[in-house]
Amino acid sequence: MLFRHKNSAHRSIDTPQGESDNLKVAHARAVSSMMGYIMSPKPNAPAMQLSDEYGNPKSVDTLQRDFWKYNYRTFQTYDDVVGSHINFTVAVEHPKIANEVYSIVERVILHE
């Protein structure tokens, strides 16, 4: 919900609820390319190696492929209510959210 309210809709800028100017800017940047991106390692991902088994440097294409193969793209923002950073990894969270929504819809349909 934090990402939906603060980032996707830019609620802290469009209809502020007392957020500081610095926090508004942080929320707006959190899902933009301006803030770069955070990568979270996938479960059981090997450590990234800059060279092959013989010590030769890996090509930039190989490093980039491995980087995306073994990591998830993660968005991060700061929640002043909680007092810490909150991470959102779409590849991890989406299935959980989709299952929750599906179960709610299923209950509504079964009760009619």
N, C-alpha and C. Protein backbone atom coordinates (compact mmCIF):
# COMPACT_ATOMS: atom_id res chain seq x y z
N MET A 1 0.84 -1.20 0.00
CA MET A 1 0.00 0.00 0.00
C MET A 1 0.87 1.25 0.00
N LEU A 2 1.98 1.21 0.72
CA LEU A 2 2.86 2.37 0.76
C LEU A 2 3.30 2.76 -0.64
N PHE A 3 3.71 1.79 -1.44
CA PHE A 3 4.16 2.10 -2.79
C PHE A 3 3.00 2.57 -3.66
N ARG A 4 1.85 1.99 -3.48
CA ARG A 4 0.69 2.42 -4.27
C ARG A 4 0.36 3.88 -3.97
N HIS A 5 0.26 4.22 -2.72
CA HIS A 5 -0.12 5.58 -2.35
C HIS A 5 0.97 6.60 -2.61
N LYS A 6 2.17 6.28 -2.22
CA LYS A 6 3.25 7.26 -2.27
C LYS A 6 3.91 7.37 -3.63
N ASN A 7 4.08 6.25 -4.32
CA ASN A 7 4.88 6.26 -5.53
C ASN A 7 4.05 6.21 -6.80
N SER A 8 3.25 5.18 -6.94
CA SER A 8 2.52 4.99 -8.19
C SER A 8 1.62 6.17 -8.50
N ALA A 9 0.91 6.64 -7.51
CA ALA A 9 -0.01 7.76 -7.72
C ALA A 9 0.63 9.10 -7.33
N HIS A 10 1.84 9.07 -6.82
CA HIS A 10 2.51 10.28 -6.35
C HIS A 10 1.61 11.06 -5.40
N ARG A 11 0.91 10.33 -4.54
CA ARG A 11 -0.03 10.97 -3.63
C ARG A 11 0.63 12.01 -2.74
N SER A 12 1.87 11.76 -2.34
CA SER A 12 2.51 12.70 -1.43
C SER A 12 2.77 14.04 -2.10
N ILE A 13 2.72 14.09 -3.42
CA ILE A 13 2.88 15.36 -4.14
C ILE A 13 1.52 15.90 -4.55
N ASP A 14 0.66 15.06 -5.10
CA ASP A 14 -0.64 15.50 -5.60
C ASP A 14 -1.59 15.94 -4.48
N THR A 15 -1.66 15.16 -3.43
CA THR A 15 -2.50 15.50 -2.28
C THR A 15 -1.72 15.19 -1.01
N PRO A 16 -0.80 16.07 -0.65
CA PRO A 16 0.07 15.81 0.50
C PRO A 16 -0.69 15.67 1.80
N GLN A 17 -0.12 14.87 2.67
CA GLN A 17 -0.70 14.63 4.00
C GLN A 17 0.31 15.03 5.08
N GLY A 18 1.04 16.12 4.84
CA GLY A 18 2.00 16.60 5.82
C GLY A 18 3.42 16.10 5.62
N GLU A 19 3.71 15.45 4.48
CA GLU A 19 5.07 14.98 4.22
C GLU A 19 6.00 16.18 4.02
N SER A 20 7.25 16.02 4.43
CA SER A 20 8.24 17.07 4.21
C SER A 20 8.57 17.15 2.72
N ASP A 21 9.13 18.28 2.30
CA ASP A 21 9.51 18.43 0.89
C ASP A 21 10.54 17.38 0.50
N ASN A 22 11.47 17.08 1.38
CA ASN A 22 12.48 16.05 1.08
C ASN A 22 11.84 14.68 0.88
N LEU A 23 10.86 14.36 1.69
CA LEU A 23 10.19 13.07 1.56
C LEU A 23 9.37 13.00 0.28
N LYS A 24 8.74 14.10 -0.11
CA LYS A 24 7.99 14.15 -1.37
C LYS A 24 8.91 13.85 -2.55
N VAL A 25 10.08 14.46 -2.54
CA VAL A 25 11.04 14.23 -3.63
C VAL A 25 11.50 12.78 -3.62
N ALA A 26 11.78 12.23 -2.44
CA ALA A 26 12.21 10.83 -2.34
C ALA A 26 11.14 9.89 -2.88
N HIS A 27 9.89 10.16 -2.56
CA HIS A 27 8.80 9.32 -3.06
C HIS A 27 8.69 9.40 -4.58
N ALA A 28 8.80 10.59 -5.12
CA ALA A 28 8.69 10.76 -6.57
C ALA A 28 9.83 10.06 -7.30
N ARG A 29 11.01 10.09 -6.72
CA ARG A 29 12.17 9.47 -7.36
C ARG A 29 12.23 7.96 -7.20
N ALA A 30 11.56 7.43 -6.21
CA ALA A 30 11.72 6.03 -5.83
C ALA A 30 11.48 5.05 -6.97
N VAL A 31 10.55 5.35 -7.85
CA VAL A 31 10.28 4.43 -8.96
C VAL A 31 10.73 5.01 -10.29
N SER A 32 11.63 5.97 -10.26
CA SER A 32 12.13 6.56 -11.50
C SER A 32 13.57 6.13 -11.73
N SER A 33 14.06 6.38 -12.93
CA SER A 33 15.45 6.06 -13.23
C SER A 33 16.41 7.02 -12.56
N MET A 34 15.91 8.12 -12.03
CA MET A 34 16.77 9.10 -11.36
C MET A 34 17.47 8.50 -10.14
N MET A 35 16.82 7.58 -9.47
CA MET A 35 17.39 7.00 -8.26
C MET A 35 18.22 5.75 -8.54
N GLY A 36 18.40 5.42 -9.81
CA GLY A 36 19.08 4.18 -10.10
C GLY A 36 18.19 3.02 -9.73
N TYR A 37 18.78 1.91 -9.35
CA TYR A 37 17.95 0.79 -8.93
C TYR A 37 18.72 -0.09 -7.97
N ILE A 38 17.95 -0.84 -7.22
CA ILE A 38 18.51 -1.78 -6.26
C ILE A 38 18.22 -3.17 -6.80
N MET A 39 19.19 -4.04 -6.68
CA MET A 39 18.99 -5.41 -7.08
C MET A 39 19.09 -6.29 -5.84
N SER A 40 18.14 -7.22 -5.70
CA SER A 40 18.13 -8.15 -4.58
C SER A 40 18.47 -9.53 -5.11
N PRO A 41 19.42 -10.23 -4.49
CA PRO A 41 19.80 -11.56 -5.00
C PRO A 41 18.64 -12.54 -4.93
N LYS A 42 18.52 -13.35 -5.96
CA LYS A 42 17.53 -14.43 -5.97
C LYS A 42 18.00 -15.52 -5.01
N PRO A 43 17.06 -16.33 -4.52
CA PRO A 43 17.47 -17.42 -3.63
C PRO A 43 18.49 -18.33 -4.32
N ASN A 44 19.50 -18.71 -3.58
CA ASN A 44 20.56 -19.61 -4.06
C ASN A 44 21.36 -19.05 -5.23
N ALA A 45 21.36 -17.73 -5.41
CA ALA A 45 22.14 -17.12 -6.49
C ALA A 45 23.63 -17.24 -6.16
N PRO A 46 24.43 -17.57 -7.16
CA PRO A 46 25.88 -17.64 -6.90
C PRO A 46 26.44 -16.23 -6.73
N ALA A 47 27.58 -16.14 -6.09
CA ALA A 47 28.25 -14.85 -5.97
C ALA A 47 28.68 -14.39 -7.36
N MET A 48 28.53 -13.11 -7.61
CA MET A 48 28.93 -12.58 -8.92
C MET A 48 30.45 -12.64 -9.06
N GLN A 49 30.90 -13.14 -10.19
CA GLN A 49 32.33 -13.25 -10.48
C GLN A 49 32.67 -12.30 -11.63
N LEU A 50 33.72 -11.51 -11.47
CA LEU A 50 34.12 -10.58 -12.51
C LEU A 50 35.02 -11.22 -13.56
N SER A 51 35.48 -12.43 -13.28
CA SER A 51 36.33 -13.11 -14.26
C SER A 51 35.87 -14.56 -14.41
N ASP A 52 36.28 -15.18 -15.50
CA ASP A 52 35.91 -16.57 -15.72
C ASP A 52 36.80 -17.48 -14.89
N GLU A 53 36.66 -18.80 -15.05
CA GLU A 53 37.41 -19.75 -14.21
C GLU A 53 38.92 -19.67 -14.43
N TYR A 54 39.34 -19.06 -15.54
CA TYR A 54 40.78 -18.94 -15.83
C TYR A 54 41.33 -17.56 -15.45
N GLY A 55 40.48 -16.71 -14.88
CA GLY A 55 40.93 -15.38 -14.46
C GLY A 55 40.78 -14.30 -15.52
N ASN A 56 40.25 -14.69 -16.70
CA ASN A 56 40.03 -13.69 -17.74
C ASN A 56 38.81 -12.84 -17.41
N PRO A 57 38.90 -11.52 -17.60
CA PRO A 57 37.73 -10.68 -17.31
C PRO A 57 36.53 -11.07 -18.18
N LYS A 58 35.34 -11.11 -17.55
CA LYS A 58 34.12 -11.39 -18.30
C LYS A 58 33.73 -10.17 -19.12
N SER A 59 33.06 -10.40 -20.23
CA SER A 59 32.61 -9.29 -21.05
C SER A 59 31.49 -8.54 -20.33
N VAL A 60 31.30 -7.30 -20.72
CA VAL A 60 30.24 -6.49 -20.13
C VAL A 60 28.89 -7.15 -20.37
N ASP A 61 28.68 -7.72 -21.56
CA ASP A 61 27.42 -8.40 -21.87
C ASP A 61 27.19 -9.59 -20.94
N THR A 62 28.24 -10.36 -20.68
CA THR A 62 28.12 -11.52 -19.80
C THR A 62 27.83 -11.08 -18.37
N LEU A 63 28.52 -10.05 -17.91
CA LEU A 63 28.27 -9.54 -16.56
C LEU A 63 26.84 -9.02 -16.41
N GLN A 64 26.38 -8.30 -17.43
CA GLN A 64 25.02 -7.76 -17.38
C GLN A 64 23.99 -8.88 -17.40
N ARG A 65 24.21 -9.90 -18.23
CA ARG A 65 23.30 -11.04 -18.28
C ARG A 65 23.24 -11.75 -16.93
N ASP A 66 24.41 -11.99 -16.33
CA ASP A 66 24.46 -12.64 -15.03
C ASP A 66 23.80 -11.79 -13.95
N PHE A 67 24.02 -10.49 -14.03
CA PHE A 67 23.45 -9.55 -13.06
C PHE A 67 21.93 -9.67 -13.03
N TRP A 68 21.30 -9.67 -14.19
CA TRP A 68 19.83 -9.77 -14.26
C TRP A 68 19.35 -11.20 -14.04
N LYS A 69 20.16 -12.18 -14.38
CA LYS A 69 19.78 -13.58 -14.20
C LYS A 69 19.71 -13.96 -12.72
N TYR A 70 20.61 -13.43 -11.91
CA TYR A 70 20.73 -13.85 -10.52
C TYR A 70 20.19 -12.84 -9.51
N ASN A 71 19.54 -11.77 -9.98
CA ASN A 71 19.02 -10.74 -9.08
C ASN A 71 17.63 -10.30 -9.49
N TYR A 72 16.87 -9.81 -8.53
CA TYR A 72 15.56 -9.21 -8.78
C TYR A 72 15.70 -7.69 -8.74
N ARG A 73 14.92 -7.00 -9.54
CA ARG A 73 14.83 -5.54 -9.51
C ARG A 73 13.97 -5.17 -8.30
N THR A 74 14.47 -4.31 -7.45
CA THR A 74 13.78 -3.93 -6.22
C THR A 74 13.62 -2.42 -6.14
N PHE A 75 12.45 -1.98 -5.74
CA PHE A 75 12.19 -0.56 -5.53
C PHE A 75 12.25 -0.30 -4.03
N GLN A 76 12.71 0.89 -3.66
CA GLN A 76 12.82 1.21 -2.25
C GLN A 76 12.35 2.63 -2.00
N THR A 77 11.68 2.82 -0.89
CA THR A 77 11.29 4.15 -0.45
C THR A 77 11.43 4.22 1.05
N TYR A 78 11.24 5.39 1.58
CA TYR A 78 11.34 5.59 3.02
C TYR A 78 9.97 5.85 3.59
N ASP A 79 9.62 5.15 4.65
CA ASP A 79 8.34 5.33 5.32
C ASP A 79 8.61 6.03 6.65
N ASP A 80 8.18 7.30 6.76
CA ASP A 80 8.46 8.03 7.99
C ASP A 80 7.61 7.54 9.16
N VAL A 81 6.50 6.86 8.90
CA VAL A 81 5.69 6.31 9.99
C VAL A 81 6.43 5.15 10.66
N VAL A 82 6.96 4.25 9.84
CA VAL A 82 7.71 3.11 10.35
C VAL A 82 9.11 3.53 10.79
N GLY A 83 9.64 4.55 10.10
CA GLY A 83 10.98 5.03 10.42
C GLY A 83 12.08 4.24 9.78
N SER A 84 11.78 3.61 8.64
CA SER A 84 12.82 2.84 7.95
C SER A 84 12.47 2.74 6.46
N HIS A 85 13.41 2.17 5.71
CA HIS A 85 13.20 1.95 4.29
C HIS A 85 12.31 0.73 4.08
N ILE A 86 11.50 0.80 3.04
CA ILE A 86 10.61 -0.29 2.67
C ILE A 86 10.99 -0.73 1.26
N ASN A 87 11.20 -2.02 1.06
CA ASN A 87 11.53 -2.56 -0.26
C ASN A 87 10.32 -3.25 -0.87
N PHE A 88 10.24 -3.15 -2.20
CA PHE A 88 9.18 -3.82 -2.95
C PHE A 88 9.82 -4.47 -4.16
N THR A 89 9.77 -5.80 -4.22
CA THR A 89 10.32 -6.56 -5.34
C THR A 89 9.16 -7.17 -6.10
N VAL A 90 8.89 -6.64 -7.27
CA VAL A 90 7.71 -7.04 -8.03
C VAL A 90 7.68 -8.55 -8.28
N ALA A 91 8.80 -9.11 -8.69
CA ALA A 91 8.83 -10.55 -9.01
C ALA A 91 8.50 -11.42 -7.80
N VAL A 92 8.77 -10.93 -6.61
CA VAL A 92 8.49 -11.69 -5.39
C VAL A 92 7.08 -11.38 -4.88
N GLU A 93 6.73 -10.10 -4.86
CA GLU A 93 5.46 -9.69 -4.27
C GLU A 93 4.24 -9.91 -5.17
N HIS A 94 4.41 -9.82 -6.48
CA HIS A 94 3.27 -9.92 -7.38
C HIS A 94 2.49 -11.22 -7.22
N PRO A 95 3.15 -12.39 -7.19
CA PRO A 95 2.38 -13.62 -6.99
C PRO A 95 1.59 -13.64 -5.69
N LYS A 96 2.17 -13.09 -4.61
CA LYS A 96 1.46 -13.03 -3.33
C LYS A 96 0.22 -12.14 -3.44
N ILE A 97 0.38 -10.99 -4.05
CA ILE A 97 -0.73 -10.05 -4.20
C ILE A 97 -1.80 -10.64 -5.11
N ALA A 98 -1.39 -11.25 -6.23
CA ALA A 98 -2.34 -11.85 -7.16
C ALA A 98 -3.14 -12.97 -6.49
N ASN A 99 -2.49 -13.80 -5.70
CA ASN A 99 -3.20 -14.87 -4.99
C ASN A 99 -4.19 -14.32 -3.97
N GLU A 100 -3.80 -13.27 -3.28
CA GLU A 100 -4.69 -12.66 -2.31
C GLU A 100 -5.92 -12.07 -2.99
N VAL A 101 -5.70 -11.36 -4.09
CA VAL A 101 -6.82 -10.78 -4.84
C VAL A 101 -7.73 -11.88 -5.39
N TYR A 102 -7.13 -12.92 -5.94
CA TYR A 102 -7.92 -14.02 -6.49
C TYR A 102 -8.79 -14.66 -5.41
N SER A 103 -8.22 -14.87 -4.21
CA SER A 103 -9.00 -15.50 -3.14
C SER A 103 -10.16 -14.60 -2.70
N ILE A 104 -9.97 -13.29 -2.70
CA ILE A 104 -11.06 -12.37 -2.35
C ILE A 104 -12.16 -12.43 -3.40
N VAL A 105 -11.78 -12.37 -4.67
CA VAL A 105 -12.76 -12.45 -5.75
C VAL A 105 -13.50 -13.77 -5.69
N GLU A 106 -12.78 -14.85 -5.44
CA GLU A 106 -13.40 -16.17 -5.34
C GLU A 106 -14.44 -16.22 -4.22
N ARG A 107 -14.11 -15.64 -3.08
CA ARG A 107 -15.07 -15.61 -1.95
C ARG A 107 -16.30 -14.80 -2.28
N VAL A 108 -16.11 -13.68 -2.96
CA VAL A 108 -17.26 -12.84 -3.34
C VAL A 108 -18.17 -13.60 -4.30
N ILE A 109 -17.59 -14.27 -5.28
CA ILE A 109 -18.38 -15.01 -6.27
C ILE A 109 -19.10 -16.18 -5.62
N LEU A 110 -18.43 -16.91 -4.73
CA LEU A 110 -19.04 -18.06 -4.09
C LEU A 110 -20.18 -17.68 -3.13
N HIS A 111 -20.16 -16.47 -2.61
CA HIS A 111 -21.20 -16.03 -1.69
C HIS A 111 -22.42 -15.46 -2.39
N GLU A 112 -22.36 -15.29 -3.69
CA GLU A 112 -23.52 -14.75 -4.41
C GLU A 112 -24.44 -15.84 -4.88
